[in-house]
Amino acid sequence: MFRQAENKVKIEGILSEIDLKYGSFQKNGADVETIGGSIKVLVDQVVNGEEVHLEIPVHMFSTKYTKTGKINPSYESIETVMKEFKSIAATGDKSVADKIRITNGQIKMNEFVGQNGNIVSYPRVTASFVAHAVGEFKPQATFNIEFMVSKYDRVVDSEGVEVDPTKLAVEVIVPQYTAPTADAMNVDVVTLYATSKSVIDAIEQYWEAGNCYKASGRLNFTSRTETVKQEVDFGEAQESVRTINTSEFIITGGSQAPLDGDYAFEVDDIKKGMAARKDRLEALKSGAKSTAKQTPAQNSTKGKKDLGF
């Protein structure tokens, strides 16, 4: 059995939006009831030395019943949020929206095939349980995670010049939950960032690719609007507004010495997990290409049974 990495996200803030709904899928010829979607949490905290306004999407999903046929506790928790919790969007009033606490969120990668046929990959936070923030309310969005380092590099701009202030991108491999019967470890490739000079110096001095470490840090999920002017051959330039979203995990501390013994992940297990991940992504791309190549005649529904998709 493969060990899952420690991977915990803690979020404490005000419930901003709720976008949850019931659903279902078929398994072994039977309908499986589900609930899922996302919520957004408003958090004000210090990131990179500045007070920032974060609105963090948290993705949630659960089947209604466990394998033993009992109601899934995570289903009940998500349903309670959907039916009973108050959000800023629903009430229009930040002061009456619920203060919530998530203590066991996780960092996971969402990977799919984009319109250009390439794999799109971005990090997101998932959670199964949400509670009212009782007692002391301390807005925060933090993480603790174990991983194997893949590589790290200074972040550069489009011209190859290091960004100012200096920023380090650390690509890490995170073992996720893996079914006991699986032949290979289930892994995600996640990019963490270091922006503090002392943290960057420590990583570059002590961390090595192929070794395992722990890190802690803060979430930086922000958005900003930018006005872009498009020049025309004559007359006034046209202006358009675009929204730029940032979804980053900023390292604020970590272990200097590599993990060892039972706490370290085996290189061979990681290699097999990475190979399985590559195969999975290639299968996604192949499936997308196959769908795109279908002719109008093949896409026709005339004389075909409704298969539910």
Protein backbone atom coordinates (compact mmCIF):
# COMPACT_ATOMS: atom_id res chain seq x y z
CA MET A 1 0.00 0.00 0.00
CA PHE A 2 1.34 3.44 -0.95
CA ARG A 3 1.55 6.18 1.66
CA GLN A 4 -0.40 9.37 1.00
CA ALA A 5 1.51 12.59 1.60
CA GLU A 6 0.49 14.96 4.34
CA ASN A 7 -1.54 17.53 2.42
CA LYS A 8 -3.67 19.84 4.54
CA VAL A 9 -5.22 23.20 3.77
CA LYS A 10 -6.81 25.27 6.52
CA ILE A 11 -9.17 28.09 5.59
CA GLU A 12 -11.00 30.37 7.97
CA GLY A 13 -13.09 33.16 6.52
CA ILE A 14 -16.52 34.43 5.50
CA LEU A 15 -18.68 32.37 3.15
CA SER A 16 -18.85 34.40 -0.06
CA GLU A 17 -20.73 32.17 -2.54
CA ILE A 18 -22.40 28.76 -2.66
CA ASP A 19 -22.64 26.83 -5.92
CA LEU A 20 -23.59 23.30 -4.90
CA LYS A 21 -26.14 20.94 -6.42
CA TYR A 22 -27.31 17.35 -6.49
CA GLY A 23 -26.16 14.99 -9.21
CA SER A 24 -25.71 11.34 -10.09
CA PHE A 25 -23.72 8.92 -12.21
CA GLN A 26 -24.10 5.30 -13.19
CA LYS A 27 -22.01 2.50 -11.75
CA ASN A 28 -22.62 -1.18 -12.45
CA GLY A 29 -25.99 -0.32 -13.97
CA ALA A 30 -27.22 1.60 -10.94
CA ASP A 31 -27.60 5.32 -10.26
CA VAL A 32 -25.20 6.73 -7.65
CA GLU A 33 -26.53 9.89 -6.01
CA THR A 34 -24.03 12.70 -5.41
CA ILE A 35 -23.70 16.27 -4.27
CA GLY A 36 -20.98 18.68 -5.33
CA GLY A 37 -19.80 21.94 -6.77
CA SER A 38 -17.89 24.72 -5.09
CA ILE A 39 -18.05 27.45 -2.50
CA LYS A 40 -15.98 30.63 -2.21
CA VAL A 41 -14.43 31.85 1.02
CA LEU A 42 -13.47 35.46 1.66
CA VAL A 43 -10.18 35.78 3.57
CA ASP A 44 -8.09 38.82 4.40
CA GLN A 45 -4.51 37.90 5.29
CA VAL A 46 -0.92 38.98 4.75
CA VAL A 47 0.75 37.56 1.61
CA ASN A 48 4.25 38.64 0.55
CA GLY A 49 4.26 41.25 3.30
CA GLU A 50 1.03 42.91 2.16
CA GLU A 51 -2.55 42.68 3.38
CA VAL A 52 -4.51 41.06 0.54
CA HIS A 53 -8.15 40.30 -0.13
CA LEU A 54 -8.55 36.63 -1.09
CA GLU A 55 -11.60 34.86 -2.48
CA ILE A 56 -10.75 31.17 -2.47
CA PRO A 57 -12.78 28.63 -4.45
CA VAL A 58 -13.14 25.32 -2.59
CA HIS A 59 -14.34 22.35 -4.63
CA MET A 60 -16.54 19.77 -2.93
CA PHE A 61 -17.97 16.38 -3.92
CA SER A 62 -19.43 13.33 -2.21
CA THR A 63 -21.56 10.32 -2.99
CA LYS A 64 -24.69 9.98 -0.85
CA TYR A 65 -23.94 6.52 0.49
CA THR A 66 -20.81 4.76 1.68
CA LYS A 67 -19.88 1.25 0.54
CA THR A 68 -21.74 -0.10 3.59
CA GLY A 69 -24.95 1.64 2.50
CA LYS A 70 -24.89 4.30 5.22
CA ILE A 71 -25.30 8.03 4.60
CA ASN A 72 -21.88 9.52 3.85
CA PRO A 73 -20.89 12.06 6.54
CA SER A 74 -19.26 14.27 3.90
CA TYR A 75 -22.53 14.27 1.92
CA GLU A 76 -24.39 15.47 4.99
CA SER A 77 -21.84 18.22 5.61
CA ILE A 78 -22.00 19.52 2.03
CA GLU A 79 -25.81 19.33 2.00
CA THR A 80 -25.96 21.34 5.23
CA VAL A 81 -23.83 24.06 3.64
CA MET A 82 -26.10 24.10 0.58
CA LYS A 83 -29.35 24.26 2.55
CA GLU A 84 -28.55 26.12 5.76
CA PHE A 85 -25.43 28.27 5.46
CA LYS A 86 -25.69 31.96 4.53
CA SER A 87 -23.36 33.50 1.96
CA ILE A 88 -22.55 37.11 1.08
CA ALA A 89 -23.98 36.53 -2.42
CA ALA A 90 -27.31 35.31 -1.02
CA THR A 91 -27.73 37.85 1.78
CA GLY A 92 -26.01 40.84 0.18
CA ASP A 93 -24.53 41.58 3.58
CA LYS A 94 -21.04 40.54 4.65
CA SER A 95 -21.91 41.11 8.32
CA VAL A 96 -24.64 38.44 8.40
CA ALA A 97 -22.92 35.84 6.19
CA ASP A 98 -21.55 32.78 7.98
CA LYS A 99 -18.02 32.64 9.27
CA ILE A 100 -16.70 29.20 8.36
CA ARG A 101 -13.73 26.96 9.05
CA ILE A 102 -12.18 24.25 6.84
CA THR A 103 -9.45 22.25 8.56
CA ASN A 104 -8.80 19.31 6.22
CA GLY A 105 -8.77 20.73 2.74
CA GLN A 106 -6.29 19.41 0.19
CA ILE A 107 -4.24 20.72 -2.71
CA LYS A 108 -5.06 18.82 -5.90
CA MET A 109 -4.44 19.40 -9.58
CA ASN A 110 -7.28 19.77 -12.05
CA GLU A 111 -6.05 18.50 -15.42
CA PHE A 112 -7.98 18.35 -18.68
CA VAL A 113 -7.58 18.88 -22.42
CA GLY A 114 -7.99 22.48 -23.58
CA GLN A 115 -9.42 23.72 -26.86
CA ASN A 116 -5.95 23.73 -28.43
CA GLY A 117 -5.53 20.02 -27.68
CA ASN A 118 -2.96 20.55 -24.95
CA ILE A 119 -3.28 19.59 -21.31
CA VAL A 120 -4.49 22.39 -19.05
CA SER A 121 -3.31 21.98 -15.46
CA TYR A 122 -4.01 24.21 -12.49
CA PRO A 123 -4.15 23.73 -8.71
CA ARG A 124 -7.28 23.91 -6.65
CA VAL A 125 -8.40 23.31 -3.09
CA THR A 126 -10.80 20.47 -2.34
CA ALA A 127 -12.67 19.72 0.88
CA SER A 128 -15.39 17.42 2.16
CA PHE A 129 -16.31 19.12 5.43
CA VAL A 130 -17.19 22.70 6.38
CA ALA A 131 -18.06 23.95 9.86
CA HIS A 132 -19.14 27.20 11.43
CA ALA A 133 -16.15 29.06 12.89
CA VAL A 134 -16.95 28.98 16.59
CA GLY A 135 -14.75 30.54 19.24
CA GLU A 136 -11.89 32.81 18.17
CA PHE A 137 -12.21 33.83 14.53
CA LYS A 138 -8.84 34.17 12.82
CA PRO A 139 -9.09 34.61 9.03
CA GLN A 140 -6.38 32.59 7.31
CA ALA A 141 -5.65 30.37 4.34
CA THR A 142 -2.62 28.17 4.98
CA PHE A 143 -1.20 24.80 3.94
CA ASN A 144 1.16 22.06 5.14
CA ILE A 145 2.41 19.54 2.61
CA GLU A 146 4.94 16.74 2.01
CA PHE A 147 6.48 16.04 -1.38
CA MET A 148 9.45 15.03 -3.46
CA VAL A 149 11.24 17.90 -5.19
CA SER A 150 11.27 17.62 -8.99
CA LYS A 151 13.07 20.90 -9.80
CA TYR A 152 13.14 24.59 -9.00
CA ASP A 153 13.97 27.69 -11.03
CA ARG A 154 13.87 31.46 -10.71
CA VAL A 155 10.73 32.87 -12.34
CA VAL A 156 11.52 34.94 -15.44
CA ASP A 157 9.47 37.23 -17.66
CA SER A 158 8.74 36.78 -21.37
CA GLU A 159 12.20 38.09 -22.22
CA GLY A 160 14.00 35.69 -19.89
CA VAL A 161 14.79 38.30 -17.24
CA GLU A 162 14.19 37.42 -13.57
CA VAL A 163 11.04 39.03 -12.25
CA ASP A 164 11.40 41.75 -9.65
CA PRO A 165 11.05 41.00 -6.80
CA THR A 166 12.75 37.63 -7.17
CA LYS A 167 10.44 34.63 -7.19
CA LEU A 168 11.29 30.91 -7.11
CA ALA A 169 9.03 28.28 -8.69
CA VAL A 170 9.40 24.88 -6.98
CA GLU A 171 7.92 21.92 -8.87
CA VAL A 172 7.06 19.11 -6.45
CA ILE A 173 5.52 15.64 -6.73
CA VAL A 174 2.75 14.97 -4.22
CA PRO A 175 1.54 11.39 -3.58
CA GLN A 176 -2.26 11.49 -3.30
CA TYR A 177 -4.67 8.84 -2.08
CA THR A 178 -4.06 5.59 -4.00
CA ALA A 179 -6.43 2.62 -4.03
CA PRO A 180 -4.96 -0.40 -2.19
CA THR A 181 -5.21 -2.53 -5.34
CA ALA A 182 -3.44 0.00 -7.60
CA ASP A 183 -0.17 -0.97 -9.29
CA ALA A 184 1.23 2.56 -9.22
CA MET A 185 1.09 5.51 -6.85
CA ASN A 186 -1.34 8.31 -7.72
CA VAL A 187 0.69 11.54 -7.91
CA ASP A 188 0.12 15.20 -8.68
CA VAL A 189 2.74 17.62 -9.96
CA VAL A 190 2.26 20.91 -8.12
CA THR A 191 4.14 24.19 -8.40
CA LEU A 192 4.79 26.03 -5.13
CA TYR A 193 6.35 29.49 -4.99
CA ALA A 194 8.89 31.16 -2.70
CA THR A 195 8.98 34.95 -2.61
CA SER A 196 10.88 35.69 0.61
CA LYS A 197 14.66 36.10 0.15
CA SER A 198 15.41 34.01 3.24
CA VAL A 199 13.13 31.18 2.06
CA ILE A 200 14.55 31.27 -1.47
CA ASP A 201 18.12 31.18 -0.11
CA ALA A 202 17.30 28.20 2.15
CA ILE A 203 15.64 26.21 -0.64
CA GLU A 204 18.51 26.81 -3.05
CA GLN A 205 21.03 25.85 -0.40
CA TYR A 206 19.38 22.77 1.12
CA TRP A 207 16.76 21.27 -1.19
CA GLU A 208 17.77 18.79 -3.89
CA ALA A 209 15.75 17.15 -6.66
CA GLY A 210 14.83 13.57 -5.74
CA ASN A 211 14.70 14.26 -2.00
CA CYS A 212 11.55 14.61 0.11
CA TYR A 213 10.68 17.58 2.32
CA LYS A 214 7.88 19.33 4.20
CA ALA A 215 6.71 22.87 3.58
CA SER A 216 4.15 25.24 5.03
CA GLY A 217 2.77 28.43 3.60
CA ARG A 218 -0.10 30.68 2.63
CA LEU A 219 -2.59 30.65 -0.20
CA ASN A 220 -2.56 33.56 -2.63
CA PHE A 221 -5.81 33.37 -4.59
CA THR A 222 -6.48 36.84 -5.95
CA SER A 223 -7.90 38.50 -9.04
CA ARG A 224 -7.34 41.88 -10.62
CA THR A 225 -8.62 43.70 -13.67
CA GLU A 226 -6.40 45.19 -16.30
CA THR A 227 -7.35 47.64 -19.06
CA VAL A 228 -5.74 46.87 -22.41
CA LYS A 229 -5.60 49.38 -25.28
CA GLN A 230 -5.76 48.02 -28.79
CA GLU A 231 -4.39 50.42 -31.39
CA VAL A 232 -6.36 50.92 -34.61
CA ASP A 233 -5.28 52.27 -37.99
CA PHE A 234 -7.14 55.52 -37.39
CA GLY A 235 -9.35 57.06 -34.77
CA GLU A 236 -9.50 56.27 -31.06
CA ALA A 237 -7.81 53.22 -29.62
CA GLN A 238 -10.18 50.55 -28.35
CA GLU A 239 -10.07 49.52 -24.71
CA SER A 240 -10.92 46.14 -23.26
CA VAL A 241 -10.90 44.95 -19.66
CA ARG A 242 -9.59 41.53 -18.73
CA THR A 243 -9.49 39.74 -15.41
CA ILE A 244 -6.23 38.14 -14.30
CA ASN A 245 -6.62 35.37 -11.71
CA THR A 246 -3.77 34.22 -9.47
CA SER A 247 -3.83 30.82 -7.76
CA GLU A 248 -0.57 30.34 -5.90
CA PHE A 249 0.75 28.49 -2.87
CA ILE A 250 3.47 30.60 -1.25
CA ILE A 251 6.10 28.75 0.83
CA THR A 252 6.83 30.50 4.14
CA GLY A 253 8.80 27.71 5.83
CA GLY A 254 9.91 24.11 5.51
CA SER A 255 12.26 21.34 6.57
CA GLN A 256 15.96 21.83 5.94
CA ALA A 257 17.02 18.19 6.05
CA PRO A 258 15.31 15.69 3.71
CA LEU A 259 12.80 13.23 5.10
CA ASP A 260 14.19 9.74 5.56
CA GLY A 261 13.14 6.22 6.50
CA ASP A 262 9.39 5.58 6.46
CA TYR A 263 8.76 9.31 6.09
CA ALA A 264 10.43 9.51 2.68
CA PHE A 265 8.82 8.39 -0.56
CA GLU A 266 10.64 5.76 -2.62
CA VAL A 267 12.13 7.07 -5.85
CA ASP A 268 10.98 3.96 -7.75
CA ASP A 269 7.40 4.44 -6.50
CA ILE A 270 7.46 8.07 -7.59
CA LYS A 271 8.84 7.10 -11.03
CA LYS A 272 6.06 4.55 -11.54
CA GLY A 273 3.50 7.10 -10.37
CA MET A 274 4.83 9.68 -12.82
CA ALA A 275 4.71 7.13 -15.65
CA ALA A 276 1.09 6.29 -14.77
CA ARG A 277 0.27 10.02 -14.70
CA LYS A 278 1.83 10.46 -18.15
CA ASP A 279 -0.24 7.56 -19.50
CA ARG A 280 -3.40 9.05 -17.99
CA LEU A 281 -2.79 12.45 -19.57
CA GLU A 282 -1.96 10.89 -22.94
CA ALA A 283 -5.21 8.94 -22.76
CA LEU A 284 -7.07 12.19 -22.11
CA LYS A 285 -5.46 13.79 -25.17
CA SER A 286 -6.17 10.76 -27.35
CA GLY A 287 -9.80 10.74 -26.27
CA ALA A 288 -10.13 14.44 -27.08
CA LYS A 289 -8.58 13.95 -30.53
CA SER A 290 -10.88 11.02 -31.25
CA THR A 291 -13.92 13.13 -30.39
CA ALA A 292 -12.71 16.05 -32.50
CA LYS A 293 -12.18 13.82 -35.55
CA GLN A 294 -15.75 12.56 -35.59
CA THR A 295 -17.60 13.50 -38.77
CA PRO A 296 -21.06 15.13 -38.77
CA ALA A 297 -22.51 11.78 -39.79
CA GLN A 298 -20.91 10.09 -36.79
CA ASN A 299 -22.23 12.82 -34.53
CA SER A 300 -25.76 12.41 -35.87
CA THR A 301 -28.27 11.12 -33.34
CA LYS A 302 -30.62 9.69 -35.99
CA GLY A 303 -31.39 6.04 -35.35
CA LYS A 304 -29.15 5.91 -32.25
CA LYS A 305 -30.05 5.11 -28.69
CA ASP A 306 -29.79 7.76 -25.98
CA LEU A 307 -26.73 6.72 -24.00
CA GLY A 308 -26.97 9.61 -21.58
CA PHE A 309 -24.20 11.81 -23.05
